[in-house]
N, C-alpha and C. Protein backbone atom coordinates (compact mmCIF):
# COMPACT_ATOMS: atom_id res chain seq x y z
N THR A 1 72.95 96.62 62.99
CA THR A 1 71.88 97.25 63.72
C THR A 1 71.73 98.72 63.31
N ALA A 2 72.86 99.40 63.12
CA ALA A 2 72.79 100.80 62.72
C ALA A 2 72.15 100.93 61.34
N ALA A 3 72.47 100.01 60.44
CA ALA A 3 71.89 100.04 59.10
C ALA A 3 70.38 99.82 59.17
N LEU A 4 69.96 98.87 59.99
CA LEU A 4 68.52 98.61 60.14
C LEU A 4 67.81 99.82 60.73
N ALA A 5 68.44 100.47 61.69
CA ALA A 5 67.84 101.66 62.28
C ALA A 5 67.69 102.77 61.25
N ALA A 6 68.69 102.92 60.39
CA ALA A 6 68.62 103.95 59.34
C ALA A 6 67.48 103.66 58.38
N PHE A 7 67.35 102.40 57.96
CA PHE A 7 66.26 102.04 57.05
C PHE A 7 64.91 102.20 57.72
N ALA A 8 64.80 101.77 58.99
CA ALA A 8 63.53 101.89 59.70
C ALA A 8 63.13 103.35 59.86
N SER A 9 64.10 104.19 60.16
CA SER A 9 63.82 105.61 60.34
C SER A 9 63.41 106.26 59.02
N SER A 10 64.09 105.91 57.93
CA SER A 10 63.75 106.49 56.64
C SER A 10 62.39 106.00 56.15
N TYR A 11 62.00 104.80 56.56
CA TYR A 11 60.70 104.25 56.19
C TYR A 11 59.57 105.14 56.71
N THR A 12 59.80 105.74 57.87
CA THR A 12 58.79 106.64 58.45
C THR A 12 59.07 108.09 58.05
N ASN A 13 59.95 108.29 57.09
CA ASN A 13 60.32 109.60 56.56
C ASN A 13 60.93 110.51 57.63
N SER A 14 61.62 109.89 58.58
CA SER A 14 62.33 110.66 59.60
C SER A 14 63.71 111.02 59.06
N PRO A 15 64.21 112.19 59.39
CA PRO A 15 65.58 112.53 58.96
C PRO A 15 66.58 111.55 59.57
N VAL A 16 67.59 111.19 58.79
CA VAL A 16 68.61 110.25 59.24
C VAL A 16 69.97 110.92 59.13
N GLY A 17 70.69 110.91 60.23
CA GLY A 17 72.08 111.39 60.25
C GLY A 17 72.93 110.31 60.86
N TYR A 18 74.21 110.57 60.93
CA TYR A 18 75.09 109.52 61.43
C TYR A 18 76.34 110.16 62.01
N VAL A 19 76.78 109.65 63.14
CA VAL A 19 78.04 110.07 63.74
C VAL A 19 78.78 108.80 64.13
N VAL A 20 80.01 108.66 63.66
CA VAL A 20 80.83 107.51 64.00
C VAL A 20 81.99 108.01 64.86
N PHE A 21 82.09 107.46 66.06
CA PHE A 21 83.16 107.81 66.99
C PHE A 21 84.10 106.64 67.12
N ASP A 22 85.38 106.92 67.03
CA ASP A 22 86.40 105.91 67.30
C ASP A 22 87.49 106.55 68.17
N GLY A 23 87.07 107.35 69.10
CA GLY A 23 87.97 108.15 69.92
C GLY A 23 87.80 109.61 69.55
N ASP A 24 87.62 109.86 68.29
CA ASP A 24 87.28 111.17 67.74
C ASP A 24 86.15 110.95 66.75
N ILE A 25 85.60 112.03 66.25
CA ILE A 25 84.56 111.89 65.22
C ILE A 25 85.27 111.52 63.93
N SER A 26 85.03 110.30 63.44
CA SER A 26 85.66 109.89 62.18
C SER A 26 84.74 110.15 61.00
N PHE A 27 83.45 110.32 61.26
CA PHE A 27 82.50 110.64 60.20
C PHE A 27 81.24 111.21 60.83
N SER A 28 80.69 112.24 60.21
CA SER A 28 79.40 112.76 60.66
C SER A 28 78.64 113.30 59.46
N CYS A 29 77.33 113.22 59.56
CA CYS A 29 76.45 113.71 58.51
C CYS A 29 75.18 114.22 59.18
N GLU A 30 74.78 115.44 58.85
CA GLU A 30 73.57 116.02 59.43
C GLU A 30 72.35 115.19 59.10
N PRO A 31 71.38 115.13 60.01
CA PRO A 31 70.15 114.42 59.71
C PRO A 31 69.40 115.06 58.54
N LYS A 32 69.05 114.24 57.56
CA LYS A 32 68.29 114.68 56.39
C LYS A 32 67.33 113.59 55.97
N THR A 33 66.32 113.97 55.22
CA THR A 33 65.42 113.00 54.61
C THR A 33 65.82 112.86 53.15
N GLY A 34 65.22 111.91 52.48
CA GLY A 34 65.49 111.73 51.06
C GLY A 34 65.96 110.32 50.76
N LYS A 35 65.67 109.88 49.54
CA LYS A 35 65.98 108.49 49.17
C LYS A 35 67.47 108.21 49.07
N ASP A 36 68.30 109.22 48.89
CA ASP A 36 69.73 109.00 48.74
C ASP A 36 70.48 109.02 50.07
N GLN A 37 69.84 109.49 51.13
CA GLN A 37 70.53 109.66 52.40
C GLN A 37 71.01 108.34 53.01
N VAL A 38 70.13 107.36 53.12
CA VAL A 38 70.52 106.09 53.76
C VAL A 38 71.59 105.36 52.94
N PRO A 39 71.44 105.20 51.61
CA PRO A 39 72.53 104.56 50.87
C PRO A 39 73.88 105.27 51.01
N LEU A 40 73.86 106.60 51.06
CA LEU A 40 75.09 107.36 51.25
C LEU A 40 75.73 107.03 52.59
N LEU A 41 74.93 107.02 53.64
CA LEU A 41 75.44 106.72 54.97
C LEU A 41 75.96 105.29 55.08
N LEU A 42 75.23 104.36 54.50
CA LEU A 42 75.65 102.96 54.56
C LEU A 42 76.94 102.72 53.77
N SER A 43 77.08 103.41 52.65
CA SER A 43 78.30 103.31 51.87
C SER A 43 79.49 103.82 52.67
N LYS A 44 79.31 104.94 53.34
CA LYS A 44 80.38 105.51 54.16
C LYS A 44 80.70 104.59 55.33
N LEU A 45 79.69 104.03 55.97
CA LEU A 45 79.90 103.11 57.07
C LEU A 45 80.66 101.88 56.61
N GLU A 46 80.31 101.36 55.46
CA GLU A 46 81.01 100.18 54.91
C GLU A 46 82.48 100.50 54.67
N ASN A 47 82.77 101.69 54.15
CA ASN A 47 84.17 102.10 53.93
C ASN A 47 84.93 102.17 55.26
N ILE A 48 84.29 102.71 56.28
CA ILE A 48 84.93 102.81 57.60
C ILE A 48 85.22 101.42 58.15
N LEU A 49 84.25 100.51 58.03
CA LEU A 49 84.44 99.15 58.53
C LEU A 49 85.57 98.43 57.79
N GLN A 50 85.63 98.61 56.46
CA GLN A 50 86.70 97.99 55.68
C GLN A 50 88.06 98.53 56.07
N GLU A 51 88.16 99.84 56.25
CA GLU A 51 89.44 100.44 56.65
C GLU A 51 89.85 99.96 58.05
N SER A 52 88.88 99.81 58.92
CA SER A 52 89.16 99.34 60.27
C SER A 52 89.67 97.90 60.24
N GLN A 53 89.05 97.05 59.41
CA GLN A 53 89.47 95.66 59.30
C GLN A 53 90.86 95.53 58.69
N LYS A 54 91.23 96.45 57.82
CA LYS A 54 92.56 96.44 57.21
C LYS A 54 93.61 96.97 58.18
N GLY A 55 93.16 97.57 59.29
CA GLY A 55 94.09 98.13 60.26
C GLY A 55 94.48 99.56 59.93
N ASN A 56 93.79 100.19 58.97
CA ASN A 56 94.09 101.57 58.60
C ASN A 56 93.51 102.60 59.55
N ILE A 57 92.61 102.15 60.41
CA ILE A 57 92.01 103.04 61.41
C ILE A 57 92.38 102.48 62.77
N SER A 58 93.02 103.29 63.60
CA SER A 58 93.41 102.81 64.92
C SER A 58 92.21 102.86 65.84
N THR A 59 92.07 101.82 66.64
CA THR A 59 90.99 101.76 67.60
C THR A 59 91.56 102.12 68.96
N PRO A 60 90.99 103.12 69.62
CA PRO A 60 91.53 103.53 70.92
C PRO A 60 91.27 102.47 71.98
N LYS A 61 92.14 102.41 72.97
CA LYS A 61 91.91 101.55 74.11
C LYS A 61 90.98 102.29 75.07
N GLY A 62 90.06 101.55 75.64
CA GLY A 62 89.11 102.16 76.56
C GLY A 62 87.84 102.57 75.83
N SER A 63 86.84 102.89 76.61
CA SER A 63 85.56 103.28 76.03
C SER A 63 85.57 104.75 75.64
N VAL A 64 84.91 105.05 74.54
CA VAL A 64 84.79 106.42 74.08
C VAL A 64 83.33 106.90 74.17
N LEU A 65 82.51 106.16 74.92
CA LEU A 65 81.08 106.49 74.97
C LEU A 65 80.83 107.89 75.52
N ASP A 66 81.48 108.26 76.61
CA ASP A 66 81.27 109.60 77.17
C ASP A 66 81.63 110.67 76.16
N LYS A 67 82.76 110.51 75.51
CA LYS A 67 83.21 111.48 74.50
C LYS A 67 82.24 111.53 73.32
N ALA A 68 81.72 110.38 72.93
CA ALA A 68 80.76 110.33 71.83
C ALA A 68 79.47 111.07 72.18
N LEU A 69 78.99 110.89 73.40
CA LEU A 69 77.77 111.58 73.83
C LEU A 69 77.98 113.09 73.88
N LYS A 70 79.12 113.52 74.41
CA LYS A 70 79.43 114.95 74.46
C LYS A 70 79.53 115.53 73.05
N GLY A 71 80.18 114.81 72.15
CA GLY A 71 80.33 115.28 70.77
C GLY A 71 78.99 115.38 70.06
N THR A 72 78.12 114.41 70.29
CA THR A 72 76.79 114.43 69.67
C THR A 72 75.98 115.61 70.19
N THR A 73 76.06 115.89 71.48
CA THR A 73 75.35 117.03 72.06
C THR A 73 75.80 118.34 71.41
N LYS A 74 77.10 118.47 71.17
CA LYS A 74 77.63 119.69 70.56
C LYS A 74 77.22 119.81 69.09
N MET A 75 77.15 118.70 68.39
CA MET A 75 76.87 118.72 66.95
C MET A 75 75.43 119.03 66.60
N LEU A 76 74.50 118.46 67.37
CA LEU A 76 73.08 118.58 67.01
C LEU A 76 72.50 119.88 67.51
N ARG A 77 71.98 120.67 66.59
CA ARG A 77 71.40 121.96 66.96
C ARG A 77 69.88 121.85 67.14
N LYS A 78 69.22 121.04 66.31
CA LYS A 78 67.77 120.87 66.42
C LYS A 78 67.48 119.62 67.25
N ARG A 79 66.32 119.65 67.90
CA ARG A 79 65.89 118.47 68.66
C ARG A 79 65.80 117.30 67.69
N SER A 80 66.41 116.19 68.06
CA SER A 80 66.51 115.03 67.16
C SER A 80 66.27 113.74 67.92
N LEU A 81 66.00 112.70 67.16
CA LEU A 81 65.98 111.35 67.71
C LEU A 81 67.42 110.84 67.62
N VAL A 82 67.99 110.49 68.75
CA VAL A 82 69.36 110.00 68.81
C VAL A 82 69.33 108.55 69.25
N LEU A 83 69.89 107.68 68.44
CA LEU A 83 69.96 106.26 68.73
C LEU A 83 71.41 105.92 69.06
N ILE A 84 71.65 105.55 70.30
CA ILE A 84 73.00 105.20 70.74
C ILE A 84 73.09 103.68 70.76
N VAL A 85 73.99 103.12 69.98
CA VAL A 85 74.17 101.67 69.91
C VAL A 85 75.45 101.32 70.66
N SER A 86 75.31 100.56 71.74
CA SER A 86 76.45 100.21 72.59
C SER A 86 76.08 99.01 73.45
N ASP A 87 77.08 98.43 74.11
CA ASP A 87 76.77 97.42 75.12
C ASP A 87 76.65 98.07 76.50
N PHE A 88 77.01 99.36 76.60
CA PHE A 88 76.88 100.15 77.83
C PHE A 88 77.54 99.46 79.03
N ARG A 89 78.63 98.76 78.78
CA ARG A 89 79.33 98.07 79.88
C ARG A 89 80.53 98.90 80.33
N VAL A 90 80.28 100.18 80.52
CA VAL A 90 81.30 101.12 80.97
C VAL A 90 80.68 102.03 82.02
N ALA A 91 81.50 102.81 82.64
CA ALA A 91 81.02 103.82 83.60
C ALA A 91 81.49 105.18 83.13
N GLY A 92 80.90 106.21 83.70
CA GLY A 92 81.37 107.56 83.43
C GLY A 92 80.66 108.28 82.30
N TYR A 93 79.62 107.71 81.74
CA TYR A 93 78.90 108.35 80.64
C TYR A 93 77.58 108.95 81.10
N GLU A 94 77.20 108.72 82.35
CA GLU A 94 75.85 109.04 82.82
C GLU A 94 75.50 110.52 82.73
N LYS A 95 76.41 111.40 83.12
CA LYS A 95 76.13 112.84 83.08
C LYS A 95 75.94 113.30 81.63
N SER A 96 76.79 112.83 80.72
CA SER A 96 76.66 113.21 79.31
C SER A 96 75.38 112.66 78.71
N LEU A 97 74.96 111.47 79.14
CA LEU A 97 73.70 110.90 78.67
C LEU A 97 72.53 111.76 79.15
N ALA A 98 72.60 112.23 80.39
CA ALA A 98 71.53 113.07 80.94
C ALA A 98 71.40 114.37 80.15
N ILE A 99 72.53 115.00 79.84
CA ILE A 99 72.50 116.26 79.09
C ILE A 99 71.93 116.03 77.69
N LEU A 100 72.36 114.98 77.03
CA LEU A 100 71.84 114.64 75.70
C LEU A 100 70.34 114.35 75.78
N GLY A 101 69.92 113.63 76.83
CA GLY A 101 68.52 113.28 77.01
C GLY A 101 67.62 114.48 77.27
N MET A 102 68.16 115.54 77.86
CA MET A 102 67.37 116.75 78.10
C MET A 102 67.11 117.51 76.80
N ARG A 103 68.02 117.41 75.86
CA ARG A 103 67.92 118.20 74.62
C ARG A 103 67.33 117.44 73.44
N HIS A 104 67.32 116.11 73.53
CA HIS A 104 66.90 115.29 72.38
C HIS A 104 66.08 114.10 72.85
N ASP A 105 65.42 113.45 71.90
CA ASP A 105 64.77 112.17 72.16
C ASP A 105 65.85 111.11 71.99
N VAL A 106 66.22 110.47 73.08
CA VAL A 106 67.35 109.55 73.05
C VAL A 106 66.89 108.12 73.32
N VAL A 107 67.35 107.22 72.47
CA VAL A 107 67.14 105.80 72.65
C VAL A 107 68.50 105.16 72.90
N ALA A 108 68.63 104.51 74.03
CA ALA A 108 69.86 103.79 74.36
C ALA A 108 69.65 102.33 73.97
N LEU A 109 70.19 101.96 72.82
CA LEU A 109 70.02 100.61 72.29
C LEU A 109 71.18 99.75 72.79
N ARG A 110 70.87 98.86 73.70
CA ARG A 110 71.90 98.00 74.30
C ARG A 110 71.92 96.66 73.58
N ILE A 111 73.08 96.32 73.06
CA ILE A 111 73.27 95.02 72.42
C ILE A 111 73.65 94.03 73.53
N THR A 112 72.87 92.97 73.65
CA THR A 112 73.15 91.96 74.67
C THR A 112 73.37 90.60 74.03
N ASP A 113 73.93 89.72 74.81
CA ASP A 113 74.20 88.36 74.37
C ASP A 113 73.96 87.44 75.57
N PRO A 114 73.51 86.22 75.34
CA PRO A 114 73.30 85.31 76.48
C PRO A 114 74.56 85.14 77.35
N SER A 115 75.74 85.29 76.75
CA SER A 115 76.98 85.14 77.52
C SER A 115 77.19 86.29 78.51
N ASP A 116 76.37 87.34 78.41
CA ASP A 116 76.45 88.42 79.40
C ASP A 116 76.04 87.93 80.79
N THR A 117 75.20 86.89 80.82
CA THR A 117 74.73 86.37 82.10
C THR A 117 74.96 84.87 82.29
N GLU A 118 75.20 84.15 81.23
CA GLU A 118 75.39 82.70 81.33
C GLU A 118 76.65 82.27 80.61
N LEU A 119 77.52 81.57 81.31
CA LEU A 119 78.73 81.03 80.71
C LEU A 119 78.69 79.51 80.80
N PRO A 120 79.10 78.82 79.74
CA PRO A 120 79.16 77.35 79.82
C PRO A 120 80.36 76.91 80.66
N ASP A 121 80.31 75.72 81.16
CA ASP A 121 81.41 75.14 81.93
C ASP A 121 82.45 74.63 80.93
N LEU A 122 83.48 75.45 80.68
CA LEU A 122 84.53 75.10 79.72
C LEU A 122 85.90 75.03 80.38
N GLY A 123 85.93 75.05 81.71
CA GLY A 123 87.22 75.05 82.41
C GLY A 123 87.79 76.45 82.47
N GLY A 124 89.12 76.55 82.58
CA GLY A 124 89.78 77.85 82.60
C GLY A 124 89.91 78.41 81.19
N ILE A 125 89.39 79.58 80.96
CA ILE A 125 89.36 80.21 79.64
C ILE A 125 90.08 81.55 79.71
N LEU A 126 90.88 81.86 78.70
CA LEU A 126 91.53 83.15 78.62
C LEU A 126 90.57 84.14 77.96
N PHE A 127 90.22 85.20 78.68
CA PHE A 127 89.35 86.25 78.17
C PHE A 127 90.18 87.50 77.93
N GLU A 128 89.82 88.26 76.89
CA GLU A 128 90.48 89.54 76.65
C GLU A 128 89.42 90.62 76.54
N ASP A 129 89.61 91.70 77.28
CA ASP A 129 88.73 92.86 77.21
C ASP A 129 89.16 93.68 76.00
N SER A 130 88.30 93.75 75.01
CA SER A 130 88.65 94.43 73.75
C SER A 130 88.86 95.93 73.93
N GLU A 131 88.30 96.51 74.97
CA GLU A 131 88.45 97.95 75.19
C GLU A 131 89.72 98.31 75.95
N THR A 132 90.17 97.43 76.83
CA THR A 132 91.37 97.73 77.62
C THR A 132 92.57 96.89 77.22
N GLY A 133 92.32 95.76 76.53
CA GLY A 133 93.40 94.85 76.18
C GLY A 133 93.78 93.92 77.32
N LEU A 134 93.14 94.06 78.47
CA LEU A 134 93.43 93.23 79.63
C LEU A 134 93.04 91.78 79.34
N THR A 135 93.94 90.85 79.65
CA THR A 135 93.62 89.43 79.51
C THR A 135 93.64 88.80 80.89
N GLN A 136 92.77 87.80 81.07
CA GLN A 136 92.67 87.15 82.36
C GLN A 136 92.09 85.75 82.17
N HIS A 137 92.60 84.80 82.95
CA HIS A 137 92.03 83.45 82.95
C HIS A 137 90.82 83.44 83.86
N LEU A 138 89.70 82.96 83.35
CA LEU A 138 88.49 82.90 84.15
C LEU A 138 88.06 81.45 84.32
N PRO A 139 87.72 81.05 85.55
CA PRO A 139 87.38 79.66 85.84
C PRO A 139 85.90 79.36 85.56
N THR A 140 85.57 79.12 84.30
CA THR A 140 84.16 78.87 83.97
C THR A 140 83.65 77.55 84.52
N ASN A 141 84.55 76.70 85.01
CA ASN A 141 84.11 75.44 85.62
C ASN A 141 83.68 75.62 87.08
N SER A 142 83.88 76.83 87.63
CA SER A 142 83.50 77.11 89.01
C SER A 142 82.04 77.55 89.07
N VAL A 143 81.25 76.83 89.86
CA VAL A 143 79.84 77.18 90.03
C VAL A 143 79.72 78.58 90.66
N ALA A 144 80.56 78.87 91.62
CA ALA A 144 80.52 80.18 92.29
C ALA A 144 80.87 81.30 91.30
N PHE A 145 81.86 81.05 90.43
CA PHE A 145 82.22 82.06 89.44
C PHE A 145 81.08 82.30 88.47
N ARG A 146 80.45 81.24 87.97
CA ARG A 146 79.34 81.39 87.02
C ARG A 146 78.16 82.11 87.67
N ARG A 147 77.91 81.84 88.95
CA ARG A 147 76.83 82.51 89.68
C ARG A 147 77.15 84.01 89.80
N ALA A 148 78.40 84.33 90.15
CA ALA A 148 78.81 85.74 90.27
C ALA A 148 78.73 86.44 88.91
N TRP A 149 79.10 85.75 87.84
CA TRP A 149 79.02 86.29 86.47
C TRP A 149 77.56 86.63 86.14
N ARG A 150 76.67 85.67 86.45
CA ARG A 150 75.24 85.85 86.16
C ARG A 150 74.69 87.05 86.95
N GLU A 151 75.00 87.13 88.23
CA GLU A 151 74.53 88.24 89.05
C GLU A 151 75.09 89.58 88.57
N ASN A 152 76.35 89.61 88.25
CA ASN A 152 76.97 90.84 87.74
C ASN A 152 76.30 91.29 86.44
N GLY A 153 76.05 90.34 85.53
CA GLY A 153 75.38 90.67 84.26
C GLY A 153 73.98 91.22 84.47
N ARG A 154 73.23 90.58 85.36
CA ARG A 154 71.86 91.04 85.66
C ARG A 154 71.88 92.41 86.32
N ASN A 155 72.77 92.59 87.30
CA ASN A 155 72.87 93.88 88.00
C ASN A 155 73.26 95.00 87.04
N SER A 156 74.20 94.71 86.14
CA SER A 156 74.63 95.69 85.15
C SER A 156 73.46 96.12 84.27
N PHE A 157 72.68 95.15 83.82
CA PHE A 157 71.53 95.43 82.96
C PHE A 157 70.49 96.27 83.71
N GLU A 158 70.20 95.90 84.95
CA GLU A 158 69.21 96.63 85.75
C GLU A 158 69.67 98.07 86.04
N ARG A 159 70.97 98.24 86.33
CA ARG A 159 71.51 99.59 86.57
C ARG A 159 71.36 100.44 85.31
N TRP A 160 71.64 99.85 84.14
CA TRP A 160 71.51 100.56 82.86
C TRP A 160 70.06 101.00 82.64
N GLN A 161 69.11 100.08 82.84
CA GLN A 161 67.70 100.43 82.67
C GLN A 161 67.28 101.57 83.61
N THR A 162 67.68 101.46 84.87
CA THR A 162 67.34 102.49 85.86
C THR A 162 67.96 103.83 85.48
N GLU A 163 69.23 103.80 85.07
CA GLU A 163 69.93 105.03 84.70
C GLU A 163 69.25 105.69 83.50
N CYS A 164 68.87 104.91 82.51
CA CYS A 164 68.19 105.47 81.33
C CYS A 164 66.87 106.12 81.74
N THR A 165 66.09 105.41 82.51
CA THR A 165 64.79 105.92 82.93
C THR A 165 64.95 107.21 83.75
N ARG A 166 65.91 107.22 84.68
CA ARG A 166 66.18 108.42 85.48
C ARG A 166 66.56 109.61 84.63
N ARG A 167 67.24 109.36 83.52
CA ARG A 167 67.76 110.43 82.66
C ARG A 167 66.81 110.80 81.52
N GLY A 168 65.62 110.19 81.49
CA GLY A 168 64.66 110.51 80.44
C GLY A 168 65.02 109.89 79.09
N VAL A 169 65.75 108.80 79.13
CA VAL A 169 66.21 108.11 77.93
C VAL A 169 65.46 106.80 77.80
N TYR A 170 65.05 106.45 76.59
CA TYR A 170 64.31 105.22 76.36
C TYR A 170 65.29 104.05 76.22
N PRO A 171 65.26 103.07 77.15
CA PRO A 171 66.14 101.92 77.02
C PRO A 171 65.54 100.87 76.08
N LEU A 172 66.31 100.43 75.12
CA LEU A 172 65.87 99.42 74.17
C LEU A 172 66.95 98.35 74.07
N GLU A 173 66.59 97.13 74.39
CA GLU A 173 67.54 96.02 74.35
C GLU A 173 67.32 95.21 73.08
N ILE A 174 68.41 94.84 72.43
CA ILE A 174 68.35 93.90 71.32
C ILE A 174 69.39 92.83 71.59
N SER A 175 68.92 91.61 71.75
CA SER A 175 69.80 90.48 72.00
C SER A 175 70.32 89.94 70.67
N THR A 176 71.51 89.36 70.73
CA THR A 176 72.06 88.71 69.53
C THR A 176 71.20 87.52 69.13
N GLU A 177 70.31 87.08 70.01
CA GLU A 177 69.40 85.97 69.70
C GLU A 177 68.13 86.41 68.98
N HIS A 178 67.85 87.71 68.99
CA HIS A 178 66.60 88.21 68.41
C HIS A 178 66.83 88.85 67.06
N ASP A 179 65.76 89.01 66.32
CA ASP A 179 65.81 89.66 65.01
C ASP A 179 65.80 91.17 65.22
N PRO A 180 66.93 91.84 64.97
CA PRO A 180 66.96 93.29 65.22
C PRO A 180 65.99 94.06 64.33
N ALA A 181 65.73 93.55 63.13
CA ALA A 181 64.80 94.25 62.23
C ALA A 181 63.41 94.32 62.85
N GLN A 182 62.95 93.23 63.44
CA GLN A 182 61.63 93.23 64.06
C GLN A 182 61.57 94.19 65.24
N ARG A 183 62.60 94.18 66.08
CA ARG A 183 62.61 95.07 67.24
C ARG A 183 62.60 96.54 66.83
N LEU A 184 63.41 96.87 65.84
CA LEU A 184 63.48 98.26 65.39
C LEU A 184 62.21 98.68 64.67
N GLN A 185 61.65 97.79 63.87
CA GLN A 185 60.41 98.10 63.17
C GLN A 185 59.30 98.37 64.19
N PHE A 186 59.24 97.55 65.22
CA PHE A 186 58.24 97.76 66.27
C PHE A 186 58.46 99.10 66.95
N PHE A 187 59.71 99.41 67.27
CA PHE A 187 60.02 100.67 67.94
C PHE A 187 59.61 101.87 67.09
N PHE A 188 60.02 101.89 65.82
CA PHE A 188 59.72 103.04 64.98
C PHE A 188 58.23 103.14 64.66
N SER A 189 57.56 101.99 64.54
CA SER A 189 56.10 102.01 64.31
C SER A 189 55.38 102.61 65.50
N ALA A 190 55.79 102.20 66.70
CA ALA A 190 55.17 102.73 67.93
C ALA A 190 55.45 104.22 68.04
N ARG A 191 56.65 104.65 67.68
CA ARG A 191 57.01 106.06 67.75
C ARG A 191 56.20 106.89 66.75
N GLU A 192 55.95 106.34 65.57
CA GLU A 192 55.18 107.05 64.54
C GLU A 192 53.73 107.25 64.97
N ARG A 193 53.18 106.28 65.74
CA ARG A 193 51.78 106.39 66.19
C ARG A 193 51.58 107.45 67.25
N LYS A 194 52.66 107.87 67.92
CA LYS A 194 52.53 108.87 69.01
C LYS A 194 52.24 110.24 68.48
């Protein structure tokens, strides 16, 4: 999704920069235009992903979204378009999002999946929270549990939309079921017409 956003932004000749947070800033590049900018950023991102898969980059436990937003606010001096890619399934980032939203044009791109609201009946399943490492058996065969899961997922999504709107941030959802290229192209095309 980040790569598609970079290409879509460069297509409209918008400056493209990049900040990768993994607890700290592991890579940053000032927003610039030019034909070499996106390939440079994608090459660096690919290197980071490969190092992470090899285990050469430690992934912190817990969410780093608040820290990432604060770091981005400090780094950017000129008003910029900031695209935040996250599932936003954490708390405690709202104040930092508001500050970033006051200084920049911010798009909160939420990655969603049908499993955020619907779980199949598979009996007792062991789930692990990738951010905390917490594991728990969840009774997906329970109608009451699946109903509570669905309500929690919907409420979480609605709270995120409301929070973004309150903070002057544009909420943009991309589901794993949809073509992210089409969604981003539509977004950047609409932005260019303004």
